[in-house]
Amino acid sequence: MKLVYDDTGRCVMEGDTVKTFRGDLCEIVSFVKPHKCSSTGVIYVKQNNTIIGFYPSVVGASWID
């Protein structure tokens, strides 16, 4: 299972600079795979020197097998 950007299919990597659906820039710090089929997992981003957890869809990403 890997996390990819919906628009390009490229793998999400720690350190990537991404834009949220609101247009805010942030840096991918880490991510956690879904622990069950009904989960989306979580990504952690650094925004304004604060670490925030988001659903992957907030930055246009999703998990694929």
N, C-alpha and C. Protein backbone atom coordinates (compact mmCIF):
# COMPACT_ATOMS: atom_id res chain seq x y z
N MET A 1 0.85 -1.17 0.00
CA MET A 1 0.00 0.00 0.00
C MET A 1 0.90 1.24 0.00
N LYS A 2 0.59 2.18 -0.90
CA LYS A 2 1.38 3.41 -0.94
C LYS A 2 0.47 4.63 -1.09
N LEU A 3 0.97 5.75 -0.65
CA LEU A 3 0.23 7.01 -0.70
C LEU A 3 0.69 7.78 -1.93
N VAL A 4 -0.27 8.15 -2.80
CA VAL A 4 0.06 8.86 -4.04
C VAL A 4 -0.80 10.11 -4.19
N TYR A 5 -0.28 11.06 -4.95
CA TYR A 5 -1.05 12.25 -5.28
C TYR A 5 -2.07 11.90 -6.35
N ASP A 6 -3.32 12.32 -6.16
CA ASP A 6 -4.40 11.98 -7.07
C ASP A 6 -4.19 12.52 -8.48
N ASP A 7 -3.62 13.72 -8.60
CA ASP A 7 -3.50 14.34 -9.92
C ASP A 7 -2.32 13.82 -10.74
N THR A 8 -1.25 13.34 -10.10
CA THR A 8 -0.06 12.90 -10.83
C THR A 8 0.24 11.42 -10.68
N GLY A 9 -0.24 10.79 -9.61
CA GLY A 9 0.08 9.40 -9.35
C GLY A 9 1.46 9.22 -8.71
N ARG A 10 2.15 10.31 -8.45
CA ARG A 10 3.48 10.27 -7.84
C ARG A 10 3.35 9.94 -6.36
N CYS A 11 4.30 9.16 -5.83
CA CYS A 11 4.29 8.80 -4.42
C CYS A 11 4.53 10.02 -3.54
N VAL A 12 3.79 10.09 -2.44
CA VAL A 12 3.98 11.14 -1.44
C VAL A 12 5.25 10.82 -0.66
N MET A 13 6.12 11.79 -0.50
CA MET A 13 7.38 11.60 0.21
C MET A 13 7.48 12.61 1.35
N GLU A 14 8.12 12.19 2.44
CA GLU A 14 8.38 13.13 3.53
C GLU A 14 9.25 14.25 2.98
N GLY A 15 8.93 15.47 3.37
CA GLY A 15 9.67 16.64 2.89
C GLY A 15 9.02 17.33 1.70
N ASP A 16 8.02 16.69 1.08
CA ASP A 16 7.30 17.32 -0.03
C ASP A 16 6.59 18.58 0.46
N THR A 17 6.63 19.61 -0.35
CA THR A 17 5.84 20.80 -0.10
C THR A 17 4.56 20.67 -0.90
N VAL A 18 3.43 20.78 -0.22
CA VAL A 18 2.13 20.59 -0.86
C VAL A 18 1.19 21.74 -0.51
N LYS A 19 0.13 21.82 -1.28
CA LYS A 19 -0.89 22.83 -1.03
C LYS A 19 -2.16 22.12 -0.59
N THR A 20 -2.78 22.61 0.47
CA THR A 20 -4.05 22.04 0.92
C THR A 20 -5.17 22.51 0.00
N PHE A 21 -6.34 21.92 0.16
CA PHE A 21 -7.48 22.35 -0.67
C PHE A 21 -7.87 23.79 -0.40
N ARG A 22 -7.42 24.34 0.73
CA ARG A 22 -7.68 25.76 1.03
C ARG A 22 -6.62 26.68 0.44
N GLY A 23 -5.56 26.09 -0.14
CA GLY A 23 -4.50 26.88 -0.74
C GLY A 23 -3.32 27.17 0.17
N ASP A 24 -3.31 26.59 1.37
CA ASP A 24 -2.20 26.80 2.31
C ASP A 24 -1.04 25.87 1.96
N LEU A 25 0.19 26.40 1.97
CA LEU A 25 1.38 25.59 1.75
C LEU A 25 1.82 24.94 3.04
N CYS A 26 2.24 23.68 2.95
CA CYS A 26 2.74 22.97 4.12
C CYS A 26 3.73 21.89 3.66
N GLU A 27 4.47 21.34 4.61
CA GLU A 27 5.47 20.32 4.31
C GLU A 27 5.04 19.00 4.93
N ILE A 28 5.10 17.91 4.14
CA ILE A 28 4.78 16.59 4.65
C ILE A 28 5.87 16.17 5.63
N VAL A 29 5.46 15.83 6.86
CA VAL A 29 6.41 15.39 7.89
C VAL A 29 6.42 13.87 7.97
N SER A 30 5.23 13.26 8.01
CA SER A 30 5.11 11.80 8.05
C SER A 30 3.69 11.42 7.71
N PHE A 31 3.46 10.11 7.57
CA PHE A 31 2.10 9.62 7.33
C PHE A 31 1.97 8.22 7.89
N VAL A 32 0.73 7.85 8.20
CA VAL A 32 0.43 6.54 8.79
C VAL A 32 -0.62 5.86 7.92
N LYS A 33 -0.34 4.61 7.56
CA LYS A 33 -1.28 3.83 6.74
C LYS A 33 -2.58 3.59 7.50
N PRO A 34 -3.67 3.39 6.77
CA PRO A 34 -4.93 3.04 7.43
C PRO A 34 -4.78 1.74 8.20
N HIS A 35 -5.36 1.67 9.39
CA HIS A 35 -5.25 0.47 10.21
C HIS A 35 -6.39 -0.52 9.98
N LYS A 36 -7.41 -0.09 9.24
CA LYS A 36 -8.52 -0.97 8.85
C LYS A 36 -9.14 -0.41 7.58
N CYS A 37 -9.97 -1.20 6.92
CA CYS A 37 -10.48 -0.79 5.61
C CYS A 37 -11.37 0.45 5.65
N SER A 38 -11.96 0.76 6.77
CA SER A 38 -12.82 1.95 6.85
C SER A 38 -12.04 3.20 7.26
N SER A 39 -10.73 3.07 7.44
CA SER A 39 -9.89 4.21 7.84
C SER A 39 -9.22 4.83 6.61
N THR A 40 -8.90 6.11 6.69
CA THR A 40 -8.20 6.79 5.59
C THR A 40 -6.72 6.98 5.90
N GLY A 41 -6.31 6.63 7.11
CA GLY A 41 -4.94 6.93 7.51
C GLY A 41 -4.84 8.42 7.83
N VAL A 42 -3.61 8.86 8.07
CA VAL A 42 -3.41 10.27 8.42
C VAL A 42 -2.07 10.72 7.88
N ILE A 43 -1.99 11.99 7.52
CA ILE A 43 -0.72 12.59 7.17
C ILE A 43 -0.44 13.70 8.18
N TYR A 44 0.82 13.88 8.48
CA TYR A 44 1.22 14.95 9.39
C TYR A 44 2.02 15.97 8.59
N VAL A 45 1.62 17.22 8.71
CA VAL A 45 2.28 18.29 7.97
C VAL A 45 2.76 19.37 8.92
N LYS A 46 3.78 20.08 8.48
CA LYS A 46 4.27 21.23 9.24
C LYS A 46 3.75 22.48 8.54
N GLN A 47 3.04 23.29 9.32
CA GLN A 47 2.48 24.53 8.79
C GLN A 47 2.66 25.60 9.86
N ASN A 48 3.38 26.66 9.51
CA ASN A 48 3.67 27.73 10.46
C ASN A 48 4.32 27.20 11.73
N ASN A 49 5.31 26.31 11.57
CA ASN A 49 6.06 25.70 12.68
C ASN A 49 5.19 24.89 13.63
N THR A 50 4.05 24.42 13.16
CA THR A 50 3.16 23.57 13.94
C THR A 50 2.90 22.29 13.16
N ILE A 51 2.93 21.15 13.85
CA ILE A 51 2.61 19.86 13.22
C ILE A 51 1.12 19.61 13.36
N ILE A 52 0.47 19.33 12.22
CA ILE A 52 -0.98 19.13 12.17
C ILE A 52 -1.26 17.81 11.46
N GLY A 53 -2.24 17.06 11.93
CA GLY A 53 -2.67 15.83 11.27
C GLY A 53 -3.88 16.10 10.37
N PHE A 54 -3.82 15.59 9.15
CA PHE A 54 -4.89 15.76 8.17
C PHE A 54 -5.26 14.41 7.56
N TYR A 55 -6.45 14.33 6.99
CA TYR A 55 -6.78 13.24 6.11
C TYR A 55 -5.98 13.43 4.83
N PRO A 56 -5.55 12.37 4.15
CA PRO A 56 -4.78 12.52 2.92
C PRO A 56 -5.49 13.34 1.84
N SER A 57 -6.80 13.29 1.78
CA SER A 57 -7.54 14.02 0.75
C SER A 57 -7.37 15.54 0.88
N VAL A 58 -6.99 16.02 2.04
CA VAL A 58 -6.79 17.47 2.25
C VAL A 58 -5.68 17.99 1.33
N VAL A 59 -4.70 17.14 1.01
CA VAL A 59 -3.62 17.55 0.11
C VAL A 59 -3.73 16.84 -1.24
N GLY A 60 -4.88 16.26 -1.53
CA GLY A 60 -5.09 15.61 -2.82
C GLY A 60 -4.35 14.29 -2.96
N ALA A 61 -4.33 13.49 -1.91
CA ALA A 61 -3.64 12.21 -1.94
C ALA A 61 -4.57 11.08 -1.50
N SER A 62 -4.23 9.86 -1.89
CA SER A 62 -5.01 8.70 -1.45
C SER A 62 -4.12 7.46 -1.49
N TRP A 63 -4.54 6.45 -0.75
CA TRP A 63 -3.80 5.19 -0.66
C TRP A 63 -4.21 4.27 -1.79
N ILE A 64 -3.22 3.58 -2.39
CA ILE A 64 -3.50 2.55 -3.40
C ILE A 64 -2.73 1.28 -3.01
N ASP A 65 -3.18 0.14 -3.51
CA ASP A 65 -2.51 -1.13 -3.23
C ASP A 65 -1.29 -1.33 -4.10
